Structures are given as C-alpha cells and as structure tokens.
PDB file of N, CA and C in Angstrom:
ATOM      1  N   MET A   1       0.847  -1.156   0.000  1.00  0.00           N
ATOM      2  CA  MET A   1       0.000   0.000   0.000  1.00  0.00           C
ATOM      3  C   MET A   1       0.902   1.231   0.000  1.00  0.00           C
ATOM      4  N   VAL A   2       0.527   2.212  -0.791  1.00  0.00           N
ATOM      5  CA  VAL A   2       1.278   3.463  -0.866  1.00  0.00           C
ATOM      6  C   VAL A   2       0.329   4.613  -0.559  1.00  0.00           C
ATOM      7  N   VAL A   3       0.751   5.475   0.371  1.00  0.00           N
ATOM      8  CA  VAL A   3      -0.021   6.668   0.718  1.00  0.00           C
ATOM      9  C   VAL A   3       0.880   7.866   0.454  1.00  0.00           C
ATOM     10  N   THR A   4       0.389   8.811  -0.341  1.00  0.00           N
ATOM     11  CA  THR A   4       1.160  10.002  -0.675  1.00  0.00           C
ATOM     12  C   THR A   4       0.361  11.242  -0.298  1.00  0.00           C
ATOM     13  N   ALA A   5       0.999  12.162   0.417  1.00  0.00           N
ATOM     14  CA  ALA A   5       0.366  13.430   0.786  1.00  0.00           C
ATOM     15  C   ALA A   5       1.098  14.543   0.052  1.00  0.00           C
ATOM     16  N   ASP A   6       0.489  15.054  -0.994  1.00  0.00           N
ATOM     17  CA  ASP A   6       1.135  16.064  -1.829  1.00  0.00           C
ATOM     18  C   ASP A   6       0.497  17.420  -1.606  1.00  0.00           C
ATOM     19  N   GLU A   7       1.161  18.244  -0.825  1.00  0.00           N
ATOM     20  CA  GLU A   7       0.721  19.617  -0.588  1.00  0.00           C
ATOM     21  C   GLU A   7       1.816  20.530  -1.134  1.00  0.00           C
ATOM     22  N   ASP A   8       1.799  20.764  -2.425  1.00  0.00           N
ATOM     23  CA  ASP A   8       2.840  21.550  -3.081  1.00  0.00           C
ATOM     24  C   ASP A   8       2.826  22.985  -2.563  1.00  0.00           C
ATOM     25  N   ASP A   9       3.953  23.416  -1.993  1.00  0.00           N
ATOM     26  CA  ASP A   9       4.070  24.791  -1.526  1.00  0.00           C
ATOM     27  C   ASP A   9       4.784  25.662  -2.555  1.00  0.00           C
ATOM     28  N   GLU A  10       4.943  25.137  -3.757  1.00  0.00           N
ATOM     29  CA  GLU A  10       5.519  25.836  -4.908  1.00  0.00           C
ATOM     30  C   GLU A  10       6.978  26.238  -4.712  1.00  0.00           C
ATOM     31  N   HIS A  11       7.691  25.564  -3.823  1.00  0.00           N
ATOM     32  CA  HIS A  11       9.126  25.770  -3.678  1.00  0.00           C
ATOM     33  C   HIS A  11       9.851  24.692  -4.475  1.00  0.00           C
ATOM     34  N   HIS A  12      11.033  25.018  -4.919  1.00  0.00           N
ATOM     35  CA  HIS A  12      11.817  24.083  -5.731  1.00  0.00           C
ATOM     36  C   HIS A  12      12.128  22.790  -4.981  1.00  0.00           C
ATOM     37  N   ASP A  13      12.380  22.888  -3.696  1.00  0.00           N
ATOM     38  CA  ASP A  13      12.759  21.707  -2.912  1.00  0.00           C
ATOM     39  C   ASP A  13      11.569  21.086  -2.177  1.00  0.00           C
ATOM     40  N   ASN A  14      10.385  21.232  -2.751  1.00  0.00           N
ATOM     41  CA  ASN A  14       9.168  20.694  -2.140  1.00  0.00           C
ATOM     42  C   ASN A  14       9.328  19.195  -1.863  1.00  0.00           C
ATOM     43  N   ARG A  15       9.028  18.793  -0.645  1.00  0.00           N
ATOM     44  CA  ARG A  15       9.107  17.379  -0.261  1.00  0.00           C
ATOM     45  C   ARG A  15       7.703  16.861  -0.046  1.00  0.00           C
ATOM     46  N   ILE A  16       7.496  15.633  -0.462  1.00  0.00           N
ATOM     47  CA  ILE A  16       6.177  15.014  -0.388  1.00  0.00           C
ATOM     48  C   ILE A  16       6.277  13.758   0.458  1.00  0.00           C
ATOM     49  N   LEU A  17       5.412  13.658   1.453  1.00  0.00           N
ATOM     50  CA  LEU A  17       5.382  12.472   2.301  1.00  0.00           C
ATOM     51  C   LEU A  17       4.824  11.298   1.510  1.00  0.00           C
ATOM     52  N   THR A  18       5.557  10.209   1.491  1.00  0.00           N
ATOM     53  CA  THR A  18       5.089   8.974   0.874  1.00  0.00           C
ATOM     54  C   THR A  18       5.365   7.842   1.848  1.00  0.00           C
ATOM     55  N   VAL A  19       4.329   7.121   2.202  1.00  0.00           N
ATOM     56  CA  VAL A  19       4.439   5.989   3.120  1.00  0.00           C
ATOM     57  C   VAL A  19       4.182   4.726   2.326  1.00  0.00           C
ATOM     58  N   VAL A  20       5.100   3.780   2.426  1.00  0.00           N
ATOM     59  CA  VAL A  20       4.949   2.490   1.751  1.00  0.00           C
ATOM     60  C   VAL A  20       4.788   1.427   2.831  1.00  0.00           C
ATOM     61  N   ALA A  21       3.657   0.748   2.820  1.00  0.00           N
ATOM     62  CA  ALA A  21       3.386  -0.314   3.798  1.00  0.00           C
ATOM     63  C   ALA A  21       3.487  -1.658   3.094  1.00  0.00           C
ATOM     64  N   HIS A  22       4.380  -2.495   3.587  1.00  0.00           N
ATOM     65  CA  HIS A  22       4.605  -3.819   3.007  1.00  0.00           C
ATOM     66  C   HIS A  22       5.085  -4.730   4.131  1.00  0.00           C
ATOM     67  N   PRO A  23       4.670  -5.992   4.130  1.00  0.00           N
ATOM     68  CA  PRO A  23       5.065  -6.905   5.210  1.00  0.00           C
ATOM     69  C   PRO A  23       6.574  -7.031   5.414  1.00  0.00           C
ATOM     70  N   SER A  24       7.361  -6.814   4.363  1.00  0.00           N
ATOM     71  CA  SER A  24       8.812  -6.987   4.495  1.00  0.00           C
ATOM     72  C   SER A  24       9.525  -5.716   4.968  1.00  0.00           C
ATOM     73  N   LEU A  25       8.792  -4.619   5.141  1.00  0.00           N
ATOM     74  CA  LEU A  25       9.412  -3.362   5.561  1.00  0.00           C
ATOM     75  C   LEU A  25       9.203  -3.128   7.055  1.00  0.00           C
ATOM     76  N   ASP A  26      10.235  -2.570   7.697  1.00  0.00           N
ATOM     77  CA  ASP A  26      10.147  -2.247   9.120  1.00  0.00           C
ATOM     78  C   ASP A  26      10.857  -0.922   9.360  1.00  0.00           C
ATOM     79  N   HIS A  27      10.124   0.163   9.349  1.00  0.00           N
ATOM     80  CA  HIS A  27      10.642   1.497   9.603  1.00  0.00           C
ATOM     81  C   HIS A  27      11.741   1.901   8.625  1.00  0.00           C
ATOM     82  N   GLU A  28      11.545   1.609   7.352  1.00  0.00           N
ATOM     83  CA  GLU A  28      12.527   1.988   6.336  1.00  0.00           C
ATOM     84  C   GLU A  28      12.370   3.455   5.972  1.00  0.00           C
ATOM     85  N   VAL A  29      13.472   4.146   5.877  1.00  0.00           N
ATOM     86  CA  VAL A  29      13.492   5.520   5.405  1.00  0.00           C
ATOM     87  C   VAL A  29      14.493   5.564   4.261  1.00  0.00           C
ATOM     88  N   VAL A  30      14.072   6.105   3.120  1.00  0.00           N
ATOM     89  CA  VAL A  30      14.967   6.159   1.968  1.00  0.00           C
ATOM     90  C   VAL A  30      15.300   7.605   1.653  1.00  0.00           C
ATOM     91  N   ASP A  31      16.482   7.824   1.093  1.00  0.00           N
ATOM     92  CA  ASP A  31      16.867   9.174   0.699  1.00  0.00           C
ATOM     93  C   ASP A  31      16.968   9.316  -0.813  1.00  0.00           C
ATOM     94  N   THR A  32      16.512   8.301  -1.532  1.00  0.00           N
ATOM     95  CA  THR A  32      16.467   8.360  -2.989  1.00  0.00           C
ATOM     96  C   THR A  32      15.443   9.409  -3.404  1.00  0.00           C
ATOM     97  N   GLU A  33      15.816  10.281  -4.332  1.00  0.00           N
ATOM     98  CA  GLU A  33      14.868  11.284  -4.807  1.00  0.00           C
ATOM     99  C   GLU A  33      13.850  10.599  -5.717  1.00  0.00           C
ATOM    100  N   LEU A  34      12.618  10.558  -5.263  1.00  0.00           N
ATOM    101  CA  LEU A  34      11.532   9.918  -6.007  1.00  0.00           C
ATOM    102  C   LEU A  34      10.556  10.979  -6.493  1.00  0.00           C
ATOM    103  N   THR A  35       9.860  10.667  -7.569  1.00  0.00           N
ATOM    104  CA  THR A  35       8.902  11.609  -8.147  1.00  0.00           C
ATOM    105  C   THR A  35       7.556  10.909  -8.342  1.00  0.00           C
ATOM    106  N   HIS A  36       6.596  11.666  -8.842  1.00  0.00           N
ATOM    107  CA  HIS A  36       5.308  11.067  -9.175  1.00  0.00           C
ATOM    108  C   HIS A  36       5.496   9.970 -10.223  1.00  0.00           C
ATOM    109  N   TYR A  37       6.484  10.150 -11.085  1.00  0.00           N
ATOM    110  CA  TYR A  37       6.770   9.134 -12.099  1.00  0.00           C
ATOM    111  C   TYR A  37       7.296   7.855 -11.449  1.00  0.00           C
ATOM    112  N   SER A  38       8.000   7.982 -10.331  1.00  0.00           N
ATOM    113  CA  SER A  38       8.473   6.801  -9.601  1.00  0.00           C
ATOM    114  C   SER A  38       7.301   5.977  -9.106  1.00  0.00           C
ATOM    115  N   LEU A  39       6.267   6.655  -8.644  1.00  0.00           N
ATOM    116  CA  LEU A  39       5.063   5.960  -8.187  1.00  0.00           C
ATOM    117  C   LEU A  39       4.354   5.290  -9.354  1.00  0.00           C
ATOM    118  N   SER A  40       4.259   5.990 -10.477  1.00  0.00           N
ATOM    119  CA  SER A  40       3.649   5.414 -11.671  1.00  0.00           C
ATOM    120  C   SER A  40       4.429   4.183 -12.132  1.00  0.00           C
ATOM    121  N   ARG A  41       5.761   4.289 -12.092  1.00  0.00           N
ATOM    122  CA  ARG A  41       6.604   3.154 -12.473  1.00  0.00           C
ATOM    123  C   ARG A  41       6.375   1.963 -11.537  1.00  0.00           C
ATOM    124  N   ALA A  42       6.235   2.223 -10.235  1.00  0.00           N
ATOM    125  CA  ALA A  42       6.010   1.150  -9.264  1.00  0.00           C
ATOM    126  C   ALA A  42       4.697   0.416  -9.560  1.00  0.00           C
ATOM    127  N   TYR A  43       3.662   1.170  -9.893  1.00  0.00           N
ATOM    128  CA  TYR A  43       2.379   0.538 -10.227  1.00  0.00           C
ATOM    129  C   TYR A  43       2.517  -0.331 -11.477  1.00  0.00           C
ATOM    130  N   ALA A  44       3.231   0.164 -12.470  1.00  0.00           N
ATOM    131  CA  ALA A  44       3.436  -0.612 -13.698  1.00  0.00           C
ATOM    132  C   ALA A  44       4.234  -1.883 -13.414  1.00  0.00           C
ATOM    133  N   GLU A  45       5.293  -1.749 -12.608  1.00  0.00           N
ATOM    134  CA  GLU A  45       6.107  -2.919 -12.258  1.00  0.00           C
ATOM    135  C   GLU A  45       5.274  -3.953 -11.514  1.00  0.00           C
ATOM    136  N   ALA A  46       4.443  -3.499 -10.591  1.00  0.00           N
ATOM    137  CA  ALA A  46       3.607  -4.427  -9.820  1.00  0.00           C
ATOM    138  C   ALA A  46       2.586  -5.120 -10.706  1.00  0.00           C
ATOM    139  N   ALA A  47       2.127  -4.416 -11.738  1.00  0.00           N
ATOM    140  CA  ALA A  47       1.143  -4.991 -12.659  1.00  0.00           C
ATOM    141  C   ALA A  47       1.798  -5.835 -13.750  1.00  0.00           C
ATOM    142  N   GLY A  48       3.131  -5.773 -13.841  1.00  0.00           N
ATOM    143  CA  GLY A  48       3.838  -6.547 -14.854  1.00  0.00           C
ATOM    144  C   GLY A  48       3.712  -5.970 -16.253  1.00  0.00           C
ATOM    145  N   ILE A  49       3.555  -4.637 -16.329  1.00  0.00           N
ATOM    146  CA  ILE A  49       3.447  -3.974 -17.629  1.00  0.00           C
ATOM    147  C   ILE A  49       4.550  -2.933 -17.758  1.00  0.00           C
ATOM    148  N   GLU A  50       4.748  -2.436 -18.967  1.00  0.00           N
ATOM    149  CA  GLU A  50       5.769  -1.422 -19.207  1.00  0.00           C
ATOM    150  C   GLU A  50       5.318  -0.075 -18.623  1.00  0.00           C
ATOM    151  N   PRO A  51       6.212   0.636 -17.959  1.00  0.00           N
ATOM    152  CA  PRO A  51       5.869   1.970 -17.458  1.00  0.00           C
ATOM    153  C   PRO A  51       5.564   2.911 -18.623  1.00  0.00           C
ATOM    154  N   LEU A  52       4.706   3.880 -18.369  1.00  0.00           N
ATOM    155  CA  LEU A  52       4.310   4.838 -19.391  1.00  0.00           C
ATOM    156  C   LEU A  52       5.204   6.069 -19.384  1.00  0.00           C
ATOM    157  N   ALA A  53       5.398   6.637 -20.538  1.00  0.00           N
ATOM    158  CA  ALA A  53       6.055   7.941 -20.748  1.00  0.00           C
ATOM    159  C   ALA A  53       7.275   8.146 -19.857  1.00  0.00           C
ATOM    160  N   ASN A  54       7.276   9.216 -19.048  1.00  0.00           N
ATOM    161  CA  ASN A  54       8.439   9.577 -18.227  1.00  0.00           C
ATOM    162  C   ASN A  54       8.707   8.601 -17.093  1.00  0.00           C
ATOM    163  N   ALA A  55       7.766   7.736 -16.788  1.00  0.00           N
ATOM    164  CA  ALA A  55       7.971   6.752 -15.723  1.00  0.00           C
ATOM    165  C   ALA A  55       9.036   5.728 -16.110  1.00  0.00           C
ATOM    166  N   VAL A  56       9.285   5.565 -17.393  1.00  0.00           N
ATOM    167  CA  VAL A  56      10.302   4.610 -17.862  1.00  0.00           C
ATOM    168  C   VAL A  56      11.672   4.938 -17.273  1.00  0.00           C
ATOM    169  N   ASP A  57      12.015   6.217 -17.222  1.00  0.00           N
ATOM    170  CA  ASP A  57      13.337   6.646 -16.756  1.00  0.00           C
ATOM    171  C   ASP A  57      13.354   7.105 -15.300  1.00  0.00           C
ATOM    172  N   ALA A  58      12.225   7.022 -14.615  1.00  0.00           N
ATOM    173  CA  ALA A  58      12.142   7.485 -13.226  1.00  0.00           C
ATOM    174  C   ALA A  58      12.835   6.509 -12.284  1.00  0.00           C
ATOM    175  N   PRO A  59      13.383   7.010 -11.169  1.00  0.00           N
ATOM    176  CA  PRO A  59      13.943   6.112 -10.163  1.00  0.00           C
ATOM    177  C   PRO A  59      12.847   5.176  -9.652  1.00  0.00           C
ATOM    178  N   SER A  60      13.200   3.946  -9.415  1.00  0.00           N
ATOM    179  CA  SER A  60      12.216   2.946  -8.985  1.00  0.00           C
ATOM    180  C   SER A  60      11.872   3.103  -7.518  1.00  0.00           C
ATOM    181  N   LEU A  61      10.612   3.369  -7.222  1.00  0.00           N
ATOM    182  CA  LEU A  61      10.143   3.425  -5.837  1.00  0.00           C
ATOM    183  C   LEU A  61      10.294   2.052  -5.192  1.00  0.00           C
ATOM    184  N   ARG A  62       9.936   1.013  -5.923  1.00  0.00           N
ATOM    185  CA  ARG A  62      10.071  -0.339  -5.386  1.00  0.00           C
ATOM    186  C   ARG A  62      11.530  -0.658  -5.098  1.00  0.00           C
ATOM    187  N   GLY A  63      12.417  -0.276  -5.990  1.00  0.00           N
ATOM    188  CA  GLY A  63      13.847  -0.514  -5.795  1.00  0.00           C
ATOM    189  C   GLY A  63      14.397   0.249  -4.600  1.00  0.00           C
ATOM    190  N   ALA A  64      13.944   1.508  -4.442  1.00  0.00           N
ATOM    191  CA  ALA A  64      14.406   2.335  -3.321  1.00  0.00           C
ATOM    192  C   ALA A  64      14.064   1.698  -1.986  1.00  0.00           C
ATOM    193  N   PHE A  65      12.912   1.034  -1.928  1.00  0.00           N
ATOM    194  CA  PHE A  65      12.486   0.381  -0.683  1.00  0.00           C
ATOM    195  C   PHE A  65      12.886  -1.096  -0.625  1.00  0.00           C
ATOM    196  N   GLY A  66      13.635  -1.561  -1.635  1.00  0.00           N
ATOM    197  CA  GLY A  66      14.089  -2.943  -1.652  1.00  0.00           C
ATOM    198  C   GLY A  66      12.979  -3.932  -1.953  1.00  0.00           C
ATOM    199  N   LEU A  67      11.959  -3.505  -2.660  1.00  0.00           N
ATOM    200  CA  LEU A  67      10.825  -4.374  -3.008  1.00  0.00           C
ATOM    201  C   LEU A  67      10.929  -4.775  -4.474  1.00  0.00           C
ATOM    202  N   HIS A  68      11.664  -5.794  -4.751  1.00  0.00           N
ATOM    203  CA  HIS A  68      11.891  -6.193  -6.160  1.00  0.00           C
ATOM    204  C   HIS A  68      10.906  -7.223  -6.599  1.00  0.00           C
TER     205      HIS A  68
END
C-alpha cells in the first residue's frame, strides 16, 4: 500500500510524504529522490506492464524500498 500526501508549496525543494506499507518493511526511510513518475513506475512494475512515458526513466520506488 502506498499513501502520498502532496501539498505543493511551490518551492523548488518541495518534499512530499510517501508511506509504503509492506510486510517486508520495518521502519525503512529512503533518501532516494523519487517523483510522481516513480510511483507510476512502481504501479506498472507491480502490474507486470511497461511503465508509461516519463515513468520509464524514473527512479524505482520499489527498488528504493528494496521491493523487487
């Protein structure tokens, strides 16, 4: 399960809270810069389909959390 709270304050370094709940995770914190495309890529990977558009080159959210 992924929960994202996006309250854009229009600053360049805007940070977005993203919580990933998975049985294999225990208080993991990642410092990989992830984007909305990373989330889109994760959904595509989980569905076993090719990521769309810019998600192809986005950092893997699943990889960042060690969920391969």
